[in-house]
Amino acid sequence: MPVRNFRELRAKMSPERQANNKLESERMLRDMPLDELRVAREWTQQQLAQVLEMNQAAVSKMERRTDMYISTLGKFIEAMGGHLEIRAVFPDGTVRITQFAASTPTAGFEA
C-alpha cells in the first residue's frame, strides 16, 4: 500500500467532511483528561513530579482520580505553566467563579 501525504487525503475530502473533522479536532483539544493534557503539553510524569516535589507514582495516581481538591488541580495545571479557571455554564452565558483563585479578580459574565 503506498504511503500518502495527509494533505493529499484531506484535499480529497468533501468540504463538509473537512469542516466536521476540524470541529472534532478542536473539541478534542478543548476537552481532555489530565494525562492527555500533560502529554499534549509535552511533559512526562517524571518531569511534572519534580516540579510538584512528589514522586512519579503520585502524579500517575492524580491523573486517574475523578475527585480532588481544587488547590491540587490548580497546582497540577500551574506546574505545566497554566492557570486553572472554574466556570459555570448556563444557557444564557458563562460565569467565571473566582473564589478559588489565589488572587481573585472580579468575576466576569461572558455572553
N, C-alpha and C. Protein backbone atom coordinates (compact mmCIF):
# COMPACT_ATOMS: atom_id res chain seq x y z
N MET A 1 0.84 -1.18 0.00
CA MET A 1 0.00 0.00 0.00
C MET A 1 0.89 1.24 0.00
N PRO A 2 0.65 2.17 -0.92
CA PRO A 2 1.51 3.35 -0.99
C PRO A 2 1.26 4.29 0.20
N VAL A 3 2.31 4.99 0.59
CA VAL A 3 2.22 5.96 1.66
C VAL A 3 1.65 7.25 1.07
N ARG A 4 0.65 7.82 1.78
CA ARG A 4 0.03 9.05 1.28
C ARG A 4 0.24 10.18 2.26
N ASN A 5 0.41 11.34 1.71
CA ASN A 5 0.53 12.55 2.50
C ASN A 5 -0.86 12.92 3.02
N PHE A 6 -0.95 13.32 4.30
CA PHE A 6 -2.25 13.67 4.87
C PHE A 6 -2.90 14.82 4.12
N ARG A 7 -2.12 15.77 3.67
CA ARG A 7 -2.68 16.90 2.92
C ARG A 7 -3.39 16.42 1.64
N GLU A 8 -2.81 15.41 0.99
CA GLU A 8 -3.44 14.86 -0.21
C GLU A 8 -4.78 14.22 0.14
N LEU A 9 -4.81 13.46 1.22
CA LEU A 9 -6.04 12.81 1.64
C LEU A 9 -7.10 13.84 2.03
N ARG A 10 -6.69 14.86 2.76
CA ARG A 10 -7.62 15.90 3.18
C ARG A 10 -8.19 16.64 1.97
N ALA A 11 -7.36 16.88 0.98
CA ALA A 11 -7.81 17.59 -0.22
C ALA A 11 -8.89 16.81 -0.97
N LYS A 12 -8.89 15.49 -0.83
CA LYS A 12 -9.90 14.66 -1.49
C LYS A 12 -11.20 14.58 -0.71
N MET A 13 -11.19 15.05 0.54
CA MET A 13 -12.41 15.03 1.37
C MET A 13 -13.35 16.15 0.93
N SER A 14 -14.63 15.91 1.14
CA SER A 14 -15.61 16.96 0.85
C SER A 14 -15.41 18.11 1.82
N PRO A 15 -15.81 19.32 1.43
CA PRO A 15 -15.72 20.46 2.35
C PRO A 15 -16.48 20.20 3.66
N GLU A 16 -17.61 19.52 3.57
CA GLU A 16 -18.38 19.20 4.78
C GLU A 16 -17.59 18.29 5.70
N ARG A 17 -16.96 17.27 5.14
CA ARG A 17 -16.15 16.34 5.93
C ARG A 17 -14.96 17.07 6.56
N GLN A 18 -14.30 17.95 5.81
CA GLN A 18 -13.18 18.72 6.34
C GLN A 18 -13.64 19.59 7.51
N ALA A 19 -14.81 20.23 7.37
CA ALA A 19 -15.34 21.08 8.44
C ALA A 19 -15.66 20.25 9.68
N ASN A 20 -16.27 19.08 9.48
CA ASN A 20 -16.58 18.20 10.61
C ASN A 20 -15.31 17.74 11.31
N ASN A 21 -14.30 17.38 10.54
CA ASN A 21 -13.02 16.96 11.13
C ASN A 21 -12.38 18.08 11.93
N LYS A 22 -12.46 19.30 11.41
CA LYS A 22 -11.88 20.45 12.11
C LYS A 22 -12.60 20.68 13.44
N LEU A 23 -13.93 20.63 13.42
CA LEU A 23 -14.70 20.81 14.65
C LEU A 23 -14.37 19.74 15.69
N GLU A 24 -14.26 18.50 15.24
CA GLU A 24 -13.96 17.40 16.16
C GLU A 24 -12.55 17.54 16.73
N SER A 25 -11.58 17.93 15.92
CA SER A 25 -10.22 18.10 16.44
C SER A 25 -10.16 19.26 17.43
N GLU A 26 -10.92 20.34 17.18
CA GLU A 26 -10.97 21.45 18.13
C GLU A 26 -11.60 21.02 19.45
N ARG A 27 -12.67 20.20 19.37
CA ARG A 27 -13.31 19.69 20.58
C ARG A 27 -12.34 18.81 21.37
N MET A 28 -11.60 17.97 20.66
CA MET A 28 -10.65 17.09 21.33
C MET A 28 -9.56 17.88 22.04
N LEU A 29 -9.15 19.00 21.46
CA LEU A 29 -8.13 19.83 22.10
C LEU A 29 -8.70 20.63 23.27
N ARG A 30 -9.99 20.91 23.25
CA ARG A 30 -10.65 21.66 24.31
C ARG A 30 -10.99 20.78 25.50
N ASP A 31 -11.33 19.53 25.25
CA ASP A 31 -11.83 18.63 26.28
C ASP A 31 -10.92 17.41 26.38
N MET A 32 -10.15 17.33 27.44
CA MET A 32 -9.29 16.16 27.60
C MET A 32 -8.98 15.92 29.07
N PRO A 33 -8.75 14.66 29.43
CA PRO A 33 -8.35 14.35 30.80
C PRO A 33 -6.92 14.81 31.08
N LEU A 34 -6.56 14.83 32.36
CA LEU A 34 -5.25 15.36 32.77
C LEU A 34 -4.08 14.66 32.11
N ASP A 35 -4.14 13.33 31.99
CA ASP A 35 -2.99 12.63 31.40
C ASP A 35 -2.80 13.03 29.94
N GLU A 36 -3.88 13.19 29.19
CA GLU A 36 -3.76 13.63 27.79
C GLU A 36 -3.29 15.07 27.70
N LEU A 37 -3.75 15.91 28.63
CA LEU A 37 -3.28 17.30 28.68
C LEU A 37 -1.78 17.35 28.91
N ARG A 38 -1.31 16.55 29.87
CA ARG A 38 0.13 16.52 30.16
C ARG A 38 0.92 16.10 28.92
N VAL A 39 0.46 15.06 28.24
CA VAL A 39 1.16 14.59 27.03
C VAL A 39 1.10 15.65 25.94
N ALA A 40 -0.06 16.28 25.76
CA ALA A 40 -0.19 17.33 24.74
C ALA A 40 0.74 18.50 25.02
N ARG A 41 0.99 18.78 26.30
CA ARG A 41 1.90 19.87 26.69
C ARG A 41 3.36 19.41 26.69
N GLU A 42 3.59 18.14 26.31
CA GLU A 42 4.92 17.54 26.20
C GLU A 42 5.65 17.47 27.54
N TRP A 43 4.94 17.03 28.55
CA TRP A 43 5.51 16.79 29.87
C TRP A 43 5.45 15.30 30.17
N THR A 44 6.48 14.78 30.82
CA THR A 44 6.42 13.42 31.32
C THR A 44 5.93 13.46 32.76
N GLN A 45 5.47 12.32 33.24
CA GLN A 45 5.07 12.26 34.65
C GLN A 45 6.26 12.57 35.56
N GLN A 46 7.43 12.12 35.18
CA GLN A 46 8.63 12.36 35.99
C GLN A 46 8.96 13.85 36.06
N GLN A 47 8.87 14.55 34.94
CA GLN A 47 9.15 15.99 34.93
C GLN A 47 8.15 16.74 35.81
N LEU A 48 6.88 16.39 35.68
CA LEU A 48 5.84 17.03 36.48
C LEU A 48 6.03 16.72 37.96
N ALA A 49 6.42 15.49 38.26
CA ALA A 49 6.66 15.10 39.65
C ALA A 49 7.78 15.94 40.27
N GLN A 50 8.83 16.20 39.51
CA GLN A 50 9.93 17.02 40.02
C GLN A 50 9.45 18.43 40.36
N VAL A 51 8.68 19.04 39.46
CA VAL A 51 8.18 20.39 39.69
C VAL A 51 7.24 20.43 40.90
N LEU A 52 6.42 19.40 41.03
CA LEU A 52 5.45 19.33 42.14
C LEU A 52 6.06 18.79 43.43
N GLU A 53 7.33 18.40 43.36
CA GLU A 53 8.04 17.83 44.51
C GLU A 53 7.31 16.63 45.10
N MET A 54 7.02 15.69 44.20
CA MET A 54 6.41 14.43 44.59
C MET A 54 7.00 13.35 43.70
N ASN A 55 6.63 12.10 43.93
CA ASN A 55 7.16 11.05 43.07
C ASN A 55 6.25 10.81 41.87
N GLN A 56 6.78 10.11 40.88
CA GLN A 56 6.06 9.87 39.64
C GLN A 56 4.78 9.09 39.90
N ALA A 57 4.79 8.17 40.83
CA ALA A 57 3.59 7.38 41.13
C ALA A 57 2.45 8.26 41.63
N ALA A 58 2.78 9.30 42.38
CA ALA A 58 1.75 10.22 42.88
C ALA A 58 1.12 11.01 41.73
N VAL A 59 1.93 11.37 40.73
CA VAL A 59 1.40 12.07 39.55
C VAL A 59 0.47 11.12 38.80
N SER A 60 0.88 9.88 38.63
CA SER A 60 0.05 8.89 37.95
C SER A 60 -1.28 8.71 38.67
N LYS A 61 -1.23 8.63 39.97
CA LYS A 61 -2.45 8.47 40.77
C LYS A 61 -3.36 9.70 40.62
N MET A 62 -2.76 10.88 40.63
CA MET A 62 -3.52 12.12 40.50
C MET A 62 -4.24 12.16 39.15
N GLU A 63 -3.56 11.71 38.09
CA GLU A 63 -4.15 11.74 36.76
C GLU A 63 -5.35 10.79 36.64
N ARG A 64 -5.40 9.76 37.46
CA ARG A 64 -6.50 8.79 37.40
C ARG A 64 -7.67 9.16 38.30
N ARG A 65 -7.48 10.13 39.17
CA ARG A 65 -8.55 10.50 40.11
C ARG A 65 -9.70 11.17 39.40
N THR A 66 -10.90 10.92 39.90
CA THR A 66 -12.08 11.61 39.37
C THR A 66 -12.55 12.68 40.34
N ASP A 67 -11.92 12.75 41.52
CA ASP A 67 -12.29 13.72 42.53
C ASP A 67 -11.02 14.18 43.24
N MET A 68 -10.80 15.49 43.31
CA MET A 68 -9.63 16.01 44.01
C MET A 68 -9.90 17.44 44.45
N TYR A 69 -9.07 17.93 45.34
CA TYR A 69 -9.18 19.31 45.78
C TYR A 69 -8.89 20.25 44.61
N ILE A 70 -9.57 21.36 44.60
CA ILE A 70 -9.34 22.38 43.57
C ILE A 70 -7.90 22.87 43.65
N SER A 71 -7.38 23.03 44.86
CA SER A 71 -6.00 23.51 45.01
C SER A 71 -5.00 22.52 44.41
N THR A 72 -5.27 21.23 44.54
CA THR A 72 -4.39 20.21 43.96
C THR A 72 -4.42 20.29 42.44
N LEU A 73 -5.61 20.40 41.89
CA LEU A 73 -5.75 20.53 40.44
C LEU A 73 -5.07 21.80 39.95
N GLY A 74 -5.23 22.90 40.69
CA GLY A 74 -4.58 24.15 40.32
C GLY A 74 -3.07 24.02 40.30
N LYS A 75 -2.48 23.34 41.28
CA LYS A 75 -1.03 23.14 41.31
C LYS A 75 -0.56 22.31 40.13
N PHE A 76 -1.34 21.30 39.78
CA PHE A 76 -1.02 20.44 38.64
C PHE A 76 -0.95 21.27 37.36
N ILE A 77 -1.95 22.11 37.14
CA ILE A 77 -2.02 22.96 35.95
C ILE A 77 -0.91 24.01 35.97
N GLU A 78 -0.69 24.65 37.11
CA GLU A 78 0.34 25.68 37.24
C GLU A 78 1.73 25.11 37.00
N ALA A 79 1.96 23.86 37.41
CA ALA A 79 3.27 23.23 37.20
C ALA A 79 3.61 23.13 35.71
N MET A 80 2.58 23.05 34.87
CA MET A 80 2.80 22.98 33.42
C MET A 80 2.76 24.36 32.77
N GLY A 81 2.64 25.42 33.59
CA GLY A 81 2.69 26.77 33.05
C GLY A 81 1.34 27.41 32.80
N GLY A 82 0.26 26.76 33.23
CA GLY A 82 -1.07 27.32 33.01
C GLY A 82 -1.66 27.85 34.30
N HIS A 83 -2.93 28.20 34.25
CA HIS A 83 -3.67 28.56 35.46
C HIS A 83 -5.07 27.98 35.34
N LEU A 84 -5.63 27.61 36.45
CA LEU A 84 -6.94 26.97 36.49
C LEU A 84 -8.03 28.01 36.59
N GLU A 85 -9.05 27.89 35.76
CA GLU A 85 -10.24 28.72 35.85
C GLU A 85 -11.43 27.80 36.01
N ILE A 86 -12.34 28.19 36.87
CA ILE A 86 -13.57 27.41 37.05
C ILE A 86 -14.72 28.26 36.54
N ARG A 87 -15.53 27.68 35.69
CA ARG A 87 -16.63 28.40 35.07
C ARG A 87 -17.93 27.64 35.27
N ALA A 88 -19.00 28.38 35.44
CA ALA A 88 -20.35 27.83 35.45
C ALA A 88 -20.98 28.20 34.12
N VAL A 89 -21.48 27.21 33.43
CA VAL A 89 -22.02 27.44 32.09
C VAL A 89 -23.54 27.33 32.14
N PHE A 90 -24.21 28.38 31.68
CA PHE A 90 -25.66 28.45 31.64
C PHE A 90 -26.10 28.67 30.20
N PRO A 91 -27.36 28.42 29.90
CA PRO A 91 -27.83 28.63 28.52
C PRO A 91 -27.61 30.07 28.03
N ASP A 92 -27.66 31.05 28.93
CA ASP A 92 -27.54 32.44 28.51
C ASP A 92 -26.15 33.03 28.72
N GLY A 93 -25.18 32.22 29.12
CA GLY A 93 -23.83 32.74 29.28
C GLY A 93 -23.01 31.94 30.26
N THR A 94 -21.78 32.36 30.44
CA THR A 94 -20.82 31.68 31.30
C THR A 94 -20.32 32.65 32.36
N VAL A 95 -20.19 32.15 33.60
CA VAL A 95 -19.68 32.95 34.71
C VAL A 95 -18.40 32.31 35.20
N ARG A 96 -17.34 33.09 35.30
CA ARG A 96 -16.08 32.60 35.85
C ARG A 96 -16.18 32.71 37.37
N ILE A 97 -15.99 31.58 38.07
CA ILE A 97 -16.04 31.55 39.53
C ILE A 97 -14.65 31.87 40.04
N THR A 98 -14.53 32.90 40.88
CA THR A 98 -13.21 33.38 41.27
C THR A 98 -12.83 33.12 42.72
N GLN A 99 -13.73 32.60 43.52
CA GLN A 99 -13.41 32.46 44.94
C GLN A 99 -12.31 31.45 45.23
N PHE A 100 -11.97 30.61 44.26
CA PHE A 100 -10.94 29.60 44.49
C PHE A 100 -9.55 30.06 44.06
N ALA A 101 -9.46 31.19 43.38
CA ALA A 101 -8.18 31.69 42.89
C ALA A 101 -7.39 32.32 44.03
N ALA A 102 -6.06 32.21 43.93
CA ALA A 102 -5.19 32.80 44.95
C ALA A 102 -5.34 34.31 44.96
N SER A 103 -5.26 34.92 43.78
CA SER A 103 -5.52 36.35 43.65
C SER A 103 -6.82 36.47 42.88
N THR A 104 -7.84 36.90 43.55
CA THR A 104 -9.18 36.86 42.98
C THR A 104 -9.51 38.10 42.18
N PRO A 105 -9.56 37.97 40.82
CA PRO A 105 -10.01 39.09 40.01
C PRO A 105 -11.53 39.20 40.08
N THR A 106 -12.09 40.26 39.56
CA THR A 106 -13.52 40.46 39.56
C THR A 106 -14.18 39.41 38.68
N ALA A 107 -15.25 38.81 39.18
CA ALA A 107 -15.96 37.78 38.40
C ALA A 107 -16.54 38.43 37.16
N GLY A 108 -16.45 37.70 36.06
CA GLY A 108 -16.97 38.23 34.81
C GLY A 108 -18.08 37.36 34.26
N PHE A 109 -18.92 37.96 33.46
CA PHE A 109 -20.01 37.24 32.81
C PHE A 109 -19.78 37.34 31.32
N GLU A 110 -19.69 36.19 30.66
CA GLU A 110 -19.47 36.14 29.23
C GLU A 110 -20.73 35.65 28.56
N ALA A 111 -21.26 36.43 27.66
CA ALA A 111 -22.47 36.01 26.93
C ALA A 111 -22.10 35.11 25.78
